[in-house]
């Protein structure tokens, strides 16, 4: 199964602790079918001081969340939607909103 959500898409969480919250996709991991969403699924990491992080201690950062727990928000109609793949006359592919039938990708 191919992941139909890409980096910089706006998604909303549909299940779990963060249900109803939305954010921008920061990174996608297609091999594990997970993604990192901005300000969603925070975890605490205990870190020692290092060259990268001068101040040690407890840091909060976003952890990956399963793709099945999020839905894409269409930028045309503003609703959460499933995505279908359509083909263009030049042979390319584009993502299409199932609710309003508008293209999500602008090519």
C-alpha atoms as a PDB file:
ATOM      1  CA  UNK A   1       0.000   0.000   0.000  1.00  0.00           C
ATOM      2  CA  UNK A   2       1.355   3.417  -0.967  1.00  0.00           C
ATOM      3  CA  UNK A   3       1.166   6.330   1.472  1.00  0.00           C
ATOM      4  CA  UNK A   4      -0.958   9.085  -0.041  1.00  0.00           C
ATOM      5  CA  UNK A   5       0.101  11.740   2.484  1.00  0.00           C
ATOM      6  CA  UNK A   6       3.192  13.828   1.760  1.00  0.00           C
ATOM      7  CA  UNK A   7       5.418  16.263   3.621  1.00  0.00           C
ATOM      8  CA  UNK A   8       3.846  19.723   4.262  1.00  0.00           C
ATOM      9  CA  UNK A   9       0.269  18.359   3.998  1.00  0.00           C
ATOM     10  CA  UNK A  10      -2.160  19.407   6.725  1.00  0.00           C
ATOM     11  CA  UNK A  11      -3.718  16.419   8.492  1.00  0.00           C
ATOM     12  CA  UNK A  12      -6.051  15.860  11.425  1.00  0.00           C
ATOM     13  CA  UNK A  13      -5.798  13.009  13.937  1.00  0.00           C
ATOM     14  CA  UNK A  14      -8.915  10.819  13.979  1.00  0.00           C
ATOM     15  CA  UNK A  15      -8.162   8.390  16.844  1.00  0.00           C
ATOM     16  CA  UNK A  16      -6.196   8.238  20.063  1.00  0.00           C
ATOM     17  CA  UNK A  17      -5.039  10.777  22.628  1.00  0.00           C
ATOM     18  CA  UNK A  18      -4.734  13.618  20.101  1.00  0.00           C
ATOM     19  CA  UNK A  19      -8.046  12.997  18.264  1.00  0.00           C
ATOM     20  CA  UNK A  20      -9.441  16.152  16.679  1.00  0.00           C
ATOM     21  CA  UNK A  21      -6.144  18.048  16.589  1.00  0.00           C
ATOM     22  CA  UNK A  22      -4.531  18.992  13.304  1.00  0.00           C
ATOM     23  CA  UNK A  23      -1.041  19.896  12.179  1.00  0.00           C
ATOM     24  CA  UNK A  24       1.437  19.939   9.321  1.00  0.00           C
ATOM     25  CA  UNK A  25       3.337  16.791   8.327  1.00  0.00           C
ATOM     26  CA  UNK A  26       7.045  17.270   9.049  1.00  0.00           C
ATOM     27  CA  UNK A  27       8.423  13.910   7.898  1.00  0.00           C
ATOM     28  CA  UNK A  28       7.105  10.688   6.322  1.00  0.00           C
ATOM     29  CA  UNK A  29       8.516   7.193   6.909  1.00  0.00           C
ATOM     30  CA  UNK A  30       7.044   5.055   4.083  1.00  0.00           C
ATOM     31  CA  UNK A  31       8.765   1.810   5.107  1.00  0.00           C
ATOM     32  CA  UNK A  32       7.109   1.795   8.563  1.00  0.00           C
ATOM     33  CA  UNK A  33       3.929   3.631   7.415  1.00  0.00           C
ATOM     34  CA  UNK A  34       4.385   6.366  10.015  1.00  0.00           C
ATOM     35  CA  UNK A  35       4.747  10.123   9.937  1.00  0.00           C
ATOM     36  CA  UNK A  36       5.671  12.985  12.235  1.00  0.00           C
ATOM     37  CA  UNK A  37       3.039  15.706  12.650  1.00  0.00           C
ATOM     38  CA  UNK A  38       3.807  19.146  14.064  1.00  0.00           C
ATOM     39  CA  UNK A  39       2.720  19.495  17.746  1.00  0.00           C
ATOM     40  CA  UNK A  40       1.196  15.974  17.840  1.00  0.00           C
ATOM     41  CA  UNK A  41       2.318  12.907  19.852  1.00  0.00           C
ATOM     42  CA  UNK A  42       4.883  14.529  22.151  1.00  0.00           C
ATOM     43  CA  UNK A  43       7.271  12.262  24.070  1.00  0.00           C
ATOM     44  CA  UNK A  44       9.843  13.127  26.731  1.00  0.00           C
ATOM     45  CA  UNK A  45      13.492  12.275  26.150  1.00  0.00           C
ATOM     46  CA  UNK A  46      16.099  12.368  28.898  1.00  0.00           C
ATOM     47  CA  UNK A  47      19.297  13.676  27.296  1.00  0.00           C
ATOM     48  CA  UNK A  48      22.833  14.319  28.477  1.00  0.00           C
ATOM     49  CA  UNK A  49      24.550  17.574  27.567  1.00  0.00           C
ATOM     50  CA  UNK A  50      26.482  17.247  24.288  1.00  0.00           C
ATOM     51  CA  UNK A  51      27.910  19.375  21.483  1.00  0.00           C
ATOM     52  CA  UNK A  52      24.475  19.584  19.822  1.00  0.00           C
ATOM     53  CA  UNK A  53      22.502  20.131  23.046  1.00  0.00           C
ATOM     54  CA  UNK A  54      24.458  22.178  25.600  1.00  0.00           C
ATOM     55  CA  UNK A  55      21.574  22.116  28.082  1.00  0.00           C
ATOM     56  CA  UNK A  56      20.785  18.526  29.078  1.00  0.00           C
ATOM     57  CA  UNK A  57      17.640  17.408  30.867  1.00  0.00           C
ATOM     58  CA  UNK A  58      14.181  16.372  29.788  1.00  0.00           C
ATOM     59  CA  UNK A  59      13.293  17.456  26.249  1.00  0.00           C
ATOM     60  CA  UNK A  60       9.930  17.101  24.513  1.00  0.00           C
ATOM     61  CA  UNK A  61       9.775  16.171  20.851  1.00  0.00           C
ATOM     62  CA  UNK A  62       7.300  14.770  18.345  1.00  0.00           C
ATOM     63  CA  UNK A  63       7.231  11.002  17.867  1.00  0.00           C
ATOM     64  CA  UNK A  64       5.977   9.167  14.758  1.00  0.00           C
ATOM     65  CA  UNK A  65       2.278   8.379  14.495  1.00  0.00           C
ATOM     66  CA  UNK A  66       0.660   5.727  12.269  1.00  0.00           C
ATOM     67  CA  UNK A  67      -0.697   6.892   8.910  1.00  0.00           C
ATOM     68  CA  UNK A  68      -3.972   5.074   9.612  1.00  0.00           C
ATOM     69  CA  UNK A  69      -4.646   7.438  12.541  1.00  0.00           C
ATOM     70  CA  UNK A  70      -4.667  10.619  10.433  1.00  0.00           C
ATOM     71  CA  UNK A  71      -6.753  12.003   7.574  1.00  0.00           C
ATOM     72  CA  UNK A  72      -5.758  14.608   5.024  1.00  0.00           C
ATOM     73  CA  UNK A  73      -7.494  18.000   5.088  1.00  0.00           C
ATOM     74  CA  UNK A  74      -8.374  19.193   1.576  1.00  0.00           C
ATOM     75  CA  UNK A  75      -7.059  22.688   0.907  1.00  0.00           C
ATOM     76  CA  UNK A  76     -10.047  23.496  -1.360  1.00  0.00           C
ATOM     77  CA  UNK A  77     -13.076  22.370   0.668  1.00  0.00           C
ATOM     78  CA  UNK A  78     -11.396  22.323   4.114  1.00  0.00           C
ATOM     79  CA  UNK A  79     -12.825  18.917   5.080  1.00  0.00           C
ATOM     80  CA  UNK A  80     -11.054  15.730   6.097  1.00  0.00           C
ATOM     81  CA  UNK A  81     -11.026  13.450   3.131  1.00  0.00           C
ATOM     82  CA  UNK A  82      -9.715  10.269   1.622  1.00  0.00           C
ATOM     83  CA  UNK A  83      -7.491  10.560  -1.405  1.00  0.00           C
ATOM     84  CA  UNK A  84      -7.715   8.951  -4.807  1.00  0.00           C
ATOM     85  CA  UNK A  85      -5.059   8.959  -7.495  1.00  0.00           C
ATOM     86  CA  UNK A  86      -5.974  10.374 -10.896  1.00  0.00           C
ATOM     87  CA  UNK A  87      -3.970  10.488 -14.077  1.00  0.00           C
ATOM     88  CA  UNK A  88      -3.140  13.533 -16.153  1.00  0.00           C
ATOM     89  CA  UNK A  89      -3.168  13.698 -19.966  1.00  0.00           C
ATOM     90  CA  UNK A  90       0.643  13.910 -20.025  1.00  0.00           C
ATOM     91  CA  UNK A  91       0.921  10.581 -18.151  1.00  0.00           C
ATOM     92  CA  UNK A  92       1.554  11.986 -14.663  1.00  0.00           C
ATOM     93  CA  UNK A  93      -0.407  11.227 -11.524  1.00  0.00           C
ATOM     94  CA  UNK A  94      -2.152  13.616  -9.156  1.00  0.00           C
ATOM     95  CA  UNK A  95      -3.951  13.263  -5.807  1.00  0.00           C
ATOM     96  CA  UNK A  96      -7.671  14.093  -5.849  1.00  0.00           C
ATOM     97  CA  UNK A  97     -10.055  14.866  -2.956  1.00  0.00           C
ATOM     98  CA  UNK A  98     -12.889  12.311  -2.807  1.00  0.00           C
ATOM     99  CA  UNK A  99     -15.391  14.857  -1.431  1.00  0.00           C
ATOM    100  CA  UNK A 100     -15.005  17.821  -3.789  1.00  0.00           C
ATOM    101  CA  UNK A 101     -13.134  16.100  -6.672  1.00  0.00           C
ATOM    102  CA  UNK A 102     -10.516  18.875  -6.777  1.00  0.00           C
ATOM    103  CA  UNK A 103      -6.811  18.266  -7.282  1.00  0.00           C
ATOM    104  CA  UNK A 104      -4.760  18.381  -4.077  1.00  0.00           C
ATOM    105  CA  UNK A 105      -1.443  18.602  -5.921  1.00  0.00           C
ATOM    106  CA  UNK A 106      -0.952  21.614  -8.130  1.00  0.00           C
ATOM    107  CA  UNK A 107       1.230  20.604 -11.062  1.00  0.00           C
END
